[in-house]
Amino acid sequence: MGNTIIKKLADAKSLATSFNSSVIPAGPFIGNIGINIETSGVTDNEGIFYVDHRIVSSQDSRIFSAWADIGISSNPTLSNKNLTTMISLSDIPVGELRIRFEAAGSSPDGTVTIWFSGRMF
């Protein structure tokens, strides 16, 4: 059955500027990944959330690729109101994940909390 991993990647993080969340390991022993993005206090803000991945060498954890957008079919987007959404991922290559927010609003407001969950096999 395995154990569940739950981690908060961002806690009431300001959406005033672009940012990257904390990093979490991905695959091969972590599956059934869920990422919950919940904003609060957004009235005048636009931007897009991306899921990024990088490959990390199993022999030397200091060797890794550049970050790349994993290309989910519909990236969560802020449109001047609060957003609550869940991203479900499977078949993620071994490496690390993070959430990247690219701010696009002219008078950004609000905060975001991002949760990660996954099952260890």
C-alpha atoms as a PDB file:
ATOM      1  CA  MET A   1       0.000   0.000   0.000  1.00  0.00           C
ATOM      2  CA  GLY A   2       2.735   2.500   0.879  1.00  0.00           C
ATOM      3  CA  ASN A   3       2.907   5.711   2.861  1.00  0.00           C
ATOM      4  CA  THR A   4       1.455   9.074   1.971  1.00  0.00           C
ATOM      5  CA  ILE A   5       3.636  12.176   1.695  1.00  0.00           C
ATOM      6  CA  ILE A   6       1.975  15.521   2.381  1.00  0.00           C
ATOM      7  CA  LYS A   7       3.954  18.759   2.211  1.00  0.00           C
ATOM      8  CA  LYS A   8       3.074  22.438   2.029  1.00  0.00           C
ATOM      9  CA  LEU A   9       5.103  23.967  -0.828  1.00  0.00           C
ATOM     10  CA  ALA A  10       3.978  27.559  -0.190  1.00  0.00           C
ATOM     11  CA  ASP A  11       2.106  29.049   2.768  1.00  0.00           C
ATOM     12  CA  ALA A  12       0.204  32.319   2.220  1.00  0.00           C
ATOM     13  CA  LYS A  13       2.858  33.328  -0.343  1.00  0.00           C
ATOM     14  CA  SER A  14       2.339  36.771  -1.850  1.00  0.00           C
ATOM     15  CA  LEU A  15       1.166  36.856  -5.461  1.00  0.00           C
ATOM     16  CA  ALA A  16       2.619  40.355  -5.957  1.00  0.00           C
ATOM     17  CA  THR A  17       5.501  38.979  -8.071  1.00  0.00           C
ATOM     18  CA  SER A  18       6.562  35.799  -9.862  1.00  0.00           C
ATOM     19  CA  PHE A  19       8.051  33.051  -7.653  1.00  0.00           C
ATOM     20  CA  ASN A  20       9.010  29.370  -7.382  1.00  0.00           C
ATOM     21  CA  SER A  21       7.646  27.097  -4.650  1.00  0.00           C
ATOM     22  CA  SER A  22       9.670  24.741  -2.507  1.00  0.00           C
ATOM     23  CA  VAL A  23      10.998  21.651  -4.313  1.00  0.00           C
ATOM     24  CA  ILE A  24       9.677  18.098  -3.816  1.00  0.00           C
ATOM     25  CA  PRO A  25      11.121  14.776  -5.086  1.00  0.00           C
ATOM     26  CA  ALA A  26       9.276  12.916  -7.855  1.00  0.00           C
ATOM     27  CA  GLY A  27       9.237   9.221  -8.986  1.00  0.00           C
ATOM     28  CA  PRO A  28      10.047   6.350  -9.200  1.00  0.00           C
ATOM     29  CA  PHE A  29       8.889   5.580  -5.668  1.00  0.00           C
ATOM     30  CA  ILE A  30       6.378   8.450  -5.439  1.00  0.00           C
ATOM     31  CA  GLY A  31       3.169   8.260  -7.444  1.00  0.00           C
ATOM     32  CA  ASN A  32      -0.456   9.395  -7.465  1.00  0.00           C
ATOM     33  CA  ILE A  33       0.696  13.011  -7.129  1.00  0.00           C
ATOM     34  CA  GLY A  34      -1.790  15.743  -6.312  1.00  0.00           C
ATOM     35  CA  ILE A  35      -1.030  19.458  -6.111  1.00  0.00           C
ATOM     36  CA  ASN A  36      -3.640  21.759  -4.575  1.00  0.00           C
ATOM     37  CA  ILE A  37      -3.404  25.488  -5.356  1.00  0.00           C
ATOM     38  CA  GLU A  38      -5.617  27.793  -3.278  1.00  0.00           C
ATOM     39  CA  THR A  39      -5.513  31.594  -3.521  1.00  0.00           C
ATOM     40  CA  SER A  40      -6.989  34.128  -1.130  1.00  0.00           C
ATOM     41  CA  GLY A  41      -7.647  37.867  -1.320  1.00  0.00           C
ATOM     42  CA  VAL A  42      -7.319  38.095  -5.115  1.00  0.00           C
ATOM     43  CA  THR A  43      -9.324  40.972  -6.600  1.00  0.00           C
ATOM     44  CA  ASP A  44      -6.915  42.454  -9.150  1.00  0.00           C
ATOM     45  CA  ASN A  45      -4.338  39.911 -10.243  1.00  0.00           C
ATOM     46  CA  GLU A  46      -3.555  37.823 -13.289  1.00  0.00           C
ATOM     47  CA  GLY A  47      -0.959  35.110 -13.739  1.00  0.00           C
ATOM     48  CA  ILE A  48      -0.322  31.481 -14.560  1.00  0.00           C
ATOM     49  CA  PHE A  49       0.825  28.553 -12.401  1.00  0.00           C
ATOM     50  CA  TYR A  50       3.177  26.028 -14.032  1.00  0.00           C
ATOM     51  CA  VAL A  51       4.472  22.645 -12.848  1.00  0.00           C
ATOM     52  CA  ASP A  52       8.228  22.415 -13.473  1.00  0.00           C
ATOM     53  CA  HIS A  53      10.410  19.299 -13.420  1.00  0.00           C
ATOM     54  CA  ARG A  54      14.150  18.691 -13.413  1.00  0.00           C
ATOM     55  CA  ILE A  55      16.132  15.472 -13.567  1.00  0.00           C
ATOM     56  CA  VAL A  56      18.471  14.711 -10.670  1.00  0.00           C
ATOM     57  CA  SER A  57      21.281  12.153 -10.934  1.00  0.00           C
ATOM     58  CA  SER A  58      20.774   9.203  -8.589  1.00  0.00           C
ATOM     59  CA  GLN A  59      24.564   8.863  -8.276  1.00  0.00           C
ATOM     60  CA  ASP A  60      25.258  12.490  -7.390  1.00  0.00           C
ATOM     61  CA  SER A  61      22.381  14.623  -6.116  1.00  0.00           C
ATOM     62  CA  ARG A  62      24.350  17.770  -7.050  1.00  0.00           C
ATOM     63  CA  ILE A  63      23.957  16.996 -10.764  1.00  0.00           C
ATOM     64  CA  PHE A  64      20.636  18.044 -12.297  1.00  0.00           C
ATOM     65  CA  SER A  65      19.115  19.328 -15.520  1.00  0.00           C
ATOM     66  CA  ALA A  66      17.553  22.740 -16.061  1.00  0.00           C
ATOM     67  CA  TRP A  67      13.965  23.247 -14.920  1.00  0.00           C
ATOM     68  CA  ALA A  68      11.363  22.569 -17.632  1.00  0.00           C
ATOM     69  CA  ASP A  69       7.583  23.058 -17.723  1.00  0.00           C
ATOM     70  CA  ILE A  70       5.984  19.579 -17.792  1.00  0.00           C
ATOM     71  CA  GLY A  71       3.265  20.898 -20.104  1.00  0.00           C
ATOM     72  CA  ILE A  72       0.007  20.014 -18.390  1.00  0.00           C
ATOM     73  CA  SER A  73      -2.988  20.463 -20.689  1.00  0.00           C
ATOM     74  CA  SER A  74      -4.471  23.453 -18.832  1.00  0.00           C
ATOM     75  CA  ASN A  75      -2.279  25.496 -16.496  1.00  0.00           C
ATOM     76  CA  PRO A  76      -4.219  27.102 -13.611  1.00  0.00           C
ATOM     77  CA  THR A  77      -4.736  30.791 -14.392  1.00  0.00           C
ATOM     78  CA  LEU A  78      -5.653  33.762 -12.179  1.00  0.00           C
ATOM     79  CA  SER A  79      -8.230  36.127 -13.684  1.00  0.00           C
ATOM     80  CA  ASN A  80      -8.856  38.822 -11.046  1.00  0.00           C
ATOM     81  CA  LYS A  81     -10.567  36.422  -8.634  1.00  0.00           C
ATOM     82  CA  ASN A  82      -9.670  33.604  -6.247  1.00  0.00           C
ATOM     83  CA  LEU A  83      -8.734  30.195  -7.609  1.00  0.00           C
ATOM     84  CA  THR A  84      -8.879  26.751  -6.006  1.00  0.00           C
ATOM     85  CA  THR A  85      -7.703  23.877  -8.166  1.00  0.00           C
ATOM     86  CA  MET A  86      -6.158  20.416  -7.991  1.00  0.00           C
ATOM     87  CA  ILE A  87      -3.520  19.161 -10.428  1.00  0.00           C
ATOM     88  CA  SER A  88      -3.278  15.371 -10.655  1.00  0.00           C
ATOM     89  CA  LEU A  89      -0.079  13.875 -12.075  1.00  0.00           C
ATOM     90  CA  SER A  90       1.019  10.359 -12.991  1.00  0.00           C
ATOM     91  CA  ASP A  91       3.995   8.868 -14.821  1.00  0.00           C
ATOM     92  CA  ILE A  92       6.347  11.637 -13.680  1.00  0.00           C
ATOM     93  CA  PRO A  93      10.042  10.953 -14.448  1.00  0.00           C
ATOM     94  CA  VAL A  94      12.524  10.640 -11.597  1.00  0.00           C
ATOM     95  CA  GLY A  95      13.645  14.071 -10.438  1.00  0.00           C
ATOM     96  CA  GLU A  96      12.162  17.033  -8.628  1.00  0.00           C
ATOM     97  CA  LEU A  97       8.995  19.125  -8.987  1.00  0.00           C
ATOM     98  CA  ARG A  98       8.138  22.715  -8.135  1.00  0.00           C
ATOM     99  CA  ILE A  99       5.297  25.117  -8.861  1.00  0.00           C
ATOM    100  CA  ARG A 100       6.189  28.343 -10.680  1.00  0.00           C
ATOM    101  CA  PHE A 101       3.922  31.391 -10.703  1.00  0.00           C
ATOM    102  CA  GLU A 102       4.342  33.928 -13.505  1.00  0.00           C
ATOM    103  CA  ALA A 103       2.635  37.186 -12.495  1.00  0.00           C
ATOM    104  CA  ALA A 104       0.945  39.167 -15.258  1.00  0.00           C
ATOM    105  CA  GLY A 105      -1.300  41.649 -13.425  1.00  0.00           C
ATOM    106  CA  SER A 106      -0.582  45.365 -13.145  1.00  0.00           C
ATOM    107  CA  SER A 107      -1.832  45.774  -9.537  1.00  0.00           C
ATOM    108  CA  PRO A 108      -1.305  42.286  -8.104  1.00  0.00           C
ATOM    109  CA  ASP A 109      -2.851  41.292  -4.799  1.00  0.00           C
ATOM    110  CA  GLY A 110      -3.616  38.118  -2.846  1.00  0.00           C
ATOM    111  CA  THR A 111      -1.732  35.108  -1.528  1.00  0.00           C
ATOM    112  CA  VAL A 112      -1.480  31.423  -2.402  1.00  0.00           C
ATOM    113  CA  THR A 113      -1.069  28.225  -0.407  1.00  0.00           C
ATOM    114  CA  ILE A 114       0.170  25.173  -2.325  1.00  0.00           C
ATOM    115  CA  TRP A 115      -0.065  21.590  -1.029  1.00  0.00           C
ATOM    116  CA  PHE A 116       1.640  18.474  -2.424  1.00  0.00           C
ATOM    117  CA  SER A 117       0.482  14.915  -1.771  1.00  0.00           C
ATOM    118  CA  GLY A 118       1.801  11.657  -3.101  1.00  0.00           C
ATOM    119  CA  ARG A 119       1.965   7.974  -2.291  1.00  0.00           C
ATOM    120  CA  MET A 120       5.298   6.279  -1.637  1.00  0.00           C
ATOM    121  CA  PHE A 121       5.626   2.779  -3.083  1.00  0.00           C
END
